[in-house]
Amino acid sequence: MLKLIPLLLGVVSLAACSPEQENAAATQVDSQVESHEQALTFVSALVQDKIVAPEGELISHAQFTFAKHDLNQDGNQEYLVLMSDPYFCGSGGCNLYIFDDQGNELNYFTVAKSPVSVGKQGESGWADLVMYSNGANRLMVHDGQHYPTNPSVEPEATDATVTELIPRDYEMYGKSSLQE
């Protein structure tokens, strides 16, 4: 439902546009939907090939959500994949992965929960991340090689100006491993 709101707003705004503005707005809405669908296809393949398949016969599919953002300002999107399937979650949270646009795993986090947000660019050239873990928003600072893997032991994020990437209430994709 949340994914339909921008689409509906685009349709409503078309009513007050000239034909040229209408075509441009419709093209923008179409490209946003197409871009999301392409990203979902890419991430679904990553989840299956890089996260689920290595588990062998234990599971065959899993639920997840994702966001994309250029974390290191190289002009390419990184994909943050938050697993929401019981197989990849425990009482403290779920596994979260970061992949580059070629499908290479860049980072892995344990006990992560939504919301997941991006903050300022850090000294390493990578954006700081803020994710919920162990009862607080935790500041995850890239050290030039990677982010820390366990958010629950990182310092609380204070006075952080952030942009939410994965909201607390997010849309899930995939099929639960419990639905074998």
Protein backbone atom coordinates (compact mmCIF):
# COMPACT_ATOMS: atom_id res chain seq x y z
CA MET A 1 0.00 0.00 0.00
CA LEU A 2 2.77 2.44 0.89
CA LYS A 3 4.34 1.93 -2.55
CA LEU A 4 1.07 3.05 -4.19
CA ILE A 5 0.92 6.44 -2.46
CA PRO A 6 3.57 8.10 -4.71
CA LEU A 7 1.85 6.59 -7.72
CA LEU A 8 -1.56 7.90 -6.62
CA LEU A 9 -0.12 11.34 -5.88
CA GLY A 10 1.38 11.35 -9.37
CA VAL A 11 -1.97 10.47 -10.93
CA VAL A 12 -3.80 13.14 -8.91
CA SER A 13 -1.22 15.78 -9.86
CA LEU A 14 -1.67 14.93 -13.56
CA ALA A 15 -5.21 16.33 -13.45
CA ALA A 16 -3.92 19.90 -13.08
CA CYS A 17 -1.19 19.66 -15.77
CA SER A 18 -0.88 20.68 -19.39
CA PRO A 19 -0.56 17.78 -21.86
CA GLU A 20 3.26 18.26 -21.98
CA GLN A 21 3.50 18.33 -18.17
CA GLU A 22 1.16 15.35 -18.00
CA ASN A 23 3.42 13.28 -20.29
CA ALA A 24 6.57 14.24 -18.35
CA ALA A 25 4.93 13.44 -15.00
CA ALA A 26 3.57 10.12 -16.28
CA THR A 27 7.03 9.21 -17.62
CA GLN A 28 8.59 10.01 -14.23
CA VAL A 29 6.02 7.86 -12.38
CA ASP A 30 6.54 5.02 -14.91
CA SER A 31 10.33 5.19 -14.51
CA GLN A 32 10.05 5.14 -10.70
CA VAL A 33 7.83 2.06 -10.83
CA GLU A 34 10.12 0.41 -13.41
CA SER A 35 13.20 1.30 -11.37
CA HIS A 36 11.68 -0.24 -8.24
CA GLU A 37 10.66 -3.36 -10.14
CA GLN A 38 14.17 -3.72 -11.61
CA ALA A 39 15.72 -3.25 -8.16
CA LEU A 40 13.33 -5.80 -6.66
CA THR A 41 14.25 -8.33 -9.35
CA PHE A 42 17.98 -7.72 -8.73
CA VAL A 43 17.65 -7.94 -4.94
CA SER A 44 15.41 -11.02 -5.10
CA ALA A 45 18.13 -12.79 -7.07
CA LEU A 46 20.76 -11.66 -4.53
CA VAL A 47 18.67 -12.96 -1.64
CA GLN A 48 18.20 -16.31 -3.33
CA ASP A 49 21.78 -16.74 -4.59
CA LYS A 50 23.86 -15.08 -1.87
CA ILE A 51 21.81 -15.51 1.30
CA VAL A 52 19.36 -18.41 0.97
CA ALA A 53 21.28 -20.85 -1.29
CA PRO A 54 24.37 -21.03 0.99
CA GLU A 55 22.11 -22.40 3.73
CA GLY A 56 21.75 -25.60 1.68
CA GLU A 57 18.68 -27.70 2.17
CA LEU A 58 17.69 -25.96 5.40
CA ILE A 59 15.52 -23.39 3.59
CA SER A 60 14.51 -22.64 0.01
CA HIS A 61 13.27 -19.04 0.24
CA ALA A 62 13.01 -16.14 2.69
CA GLN A 63 11.26 -12.83 3.33
CA PHE A 64 13.13 -9.53 3.17
CA THR A 65 12.88 -5.84 2.51
CA PHE A 66 15.42 -3.55 0.89
CA ALA A 67 16.50 -0.03 0.12
CA LYS A 68 19.07 1.39 -2.26
CA HIS A 69 21.34 4.33 -1.63
CA ASP A 70 24.76 5.52 -2.79
CA LEU A 71 26.53 5.12 0.56
CA ASN A 72 30.05 5.97 -0.64
CA GLN A 73 29.27 8.67 -3.22
CA ASP A 74 30.79 6.72 -6.12
CA GLY A 75 27.72 7.23 -8.30
CA ASN A 76 26.54 3.63 -7.84
CA GLN A 77 23.77 2.39 -5.62
CA GLU A 78 24.42 0.06 -2.72
CA TYR A 79 21.57 -2.25 -1.71
CA LEU A 80 20.66 -2.69 1.95
CA VAL A 81 18.79 -5.97 2.43
CA LEU A 82 17.07 -6.51 5.77
CA MET A 83 16.00 -10.09 6.23
CA SER A 84 12.62 -10.39 7.93
CA ASP A 85 12.26 -14.14 7.76
CA PRO A 86 12.27 -16.11 11.04
CA TYR A 87 15.23 -18.18 9.81
CA PHE A 88 17.42 -15.04 9.72
CA CYS A 89 16.05 -13.37 12.85
CA GLY A 90 16.40 -13.86 16.57
CA SER A 91 15.14 -12.10 19.66
CA GLY A 92 17.58 -9.21 19.14
CA GLY A 93 16.85 -8.55 15.48
CA CYS A 94 17.58 -9.79 11.99
CA ASN A 95 20.50 -10.03 9.58
CA LEU A 96 21.10 -7.07 7.30
CA TYR A 97 23.40 -7.16 4.29
CA ILE A 98 24.89 -4.49 2.05
CA PHE A 99 25.62 -5.39 -1.56
CA ASP A 100 27.17 -3.29 -4.31
CA ASP A 101 25.49 -2.88 -7.69
CA GLN A 102 27.42 -5.92 -8.99
CA GLY A 103 26.02 -8.21 -6.30
CA ASN A 104 29.13 -8.36 -4.13
CA GLU A 105 28.50 -8.50 -0.39
CA LEU A 106 30.12 -5.48 1.24
CA ASN A 107 28.89 -5.82 4.80
CA TYR A 108 26.84 -8.00 7.10
CA PHE A 109 25.10 -7.02 10.32
CA THR A 110 23.57 -9.11 13.07
CA VAL A 111 20.68 -8.09 15.35
CA ALA A 112 19.46 -5.23 13.17
CA LYS A 113 15.92 -3.88 13.21
CA SER A 114 14.10 -1.17 11.32
CA PRO A 115 14.19 1.72 10.98
CA VAL A 116 17.48 1.85 9.10
CA SER A 117 18.61 5.35 8.17
CA VAL A 118 21.54 7.03 6.48
CA GLY A 119 23.30 9.97 8.12
CA LYS A 120 26.14 12.27 7.16
CA GLN A 121 29.13 11.26 5.05
CA GLY A 122 31.77 9.96 7.40
CA GLU A 123 35.50 10.58 7.28
CA SER A 124 35.99 7.27 5.43
CA GLY A 125 33.88 8.55 2.52
CA TRP A 126 30.99 6.26 3.47
CA ALA A 127 27.75 7.53 4.95
CA ASP A 128 27.06 6.80 8.59
CA LEU A 129 24.19 4.40 9.15
CA VAL A 130 21.72 4.51 12.02
CA MET A 131 19.84 1.32 12.81
CA TYR A 132 17.68 0.20 15.68
CA SER A 133 19.21 -2.45 17.92
CA ASN A 134 19.22 -3.30 21.63
CA GLY A 135 16.52 -0.75 22.46
CA ALA A 136 18.06 2.30 20.77
CA ASN A 137 19.11 3.82 17.47
CA ARG A 138 22.76 2.86 17.00
CA LEU A 139 25.38 4.80 15.08
CA MET A 140 27.29 2.66 12.60
CA VAL A 141 30.46 4.37 11.36
CA HIS A 142 32.40 2.93 8.42
CA ASP A 143 36.12 2.59 9.21
CA GLY A 144 37.36 2.66 5.62
CA GLN A 145 37.06 -1.13 5.29
CA HIS A 146 33.59 -1.94 6.62
CA TYR A 147 30.89 -1.08 9.12
CA PRO A 148 30.86 -2.82 12.51
CA THR A 149 28.84 -6.04 12.32
CA ASN A 150 26.97 -5.93 15.64
CA PRO A 151 24.84 -2.79 16.01
CA SER A 152 23.72 -3.70 19.54
CA VAL A 153 27.13 -2.81 21.01
CA GLU A 154 27.66 0.42 19.07
CA PRO A 155 27.02 3.84 20.62
CA GLU A 156 23.57 5.36 20.61
CA ALA A 157 22.95 7.82 17.81
CA THR A 158 22.36 11.28 19.24
CA ASP A 159 21.54 14.46 17.37
CA ALA A 160 21.84 12.60 14.09
CA THR A 161 20.21 14.12 11.03
CA VAL A 162 19.14 11.10 9.05
CA THR A 163 17.17 10.04 6.02
CA GLU A 164 15.13 6.92 6.60
CA LEU A 165 15.85 4.14 4.12
CA ILE A 166 13.93 1.24 5.65
CA PRO A 167 10.99 2.45 7.75
CA ARG A 168 9.75 0.73 10.90
CA ASP A 169 6.70 -0.52 8.98
CA TYR A 170 8.09 -1.84 5.73
CA GLU A 171 6.84 -3.89 2.81
CA MET A 172 8.08 -7.49 2.78
CA TYR A 173 9.05 -9.40 -0.33
CA GLY A 174 9.60 -13.10 -0.88
CA LYS A 175 7.98 -16.10 0.72
CA SER A 176 8.48 -17.08 4.35
CA SER A 177 10.72 -20.06 5.04
CA LEU A 178 7.90 -21.31 7.27
CA GLN A 179 5.72 -21.76 4.18
CA GLU A 180 7.68 -24.71 2.79
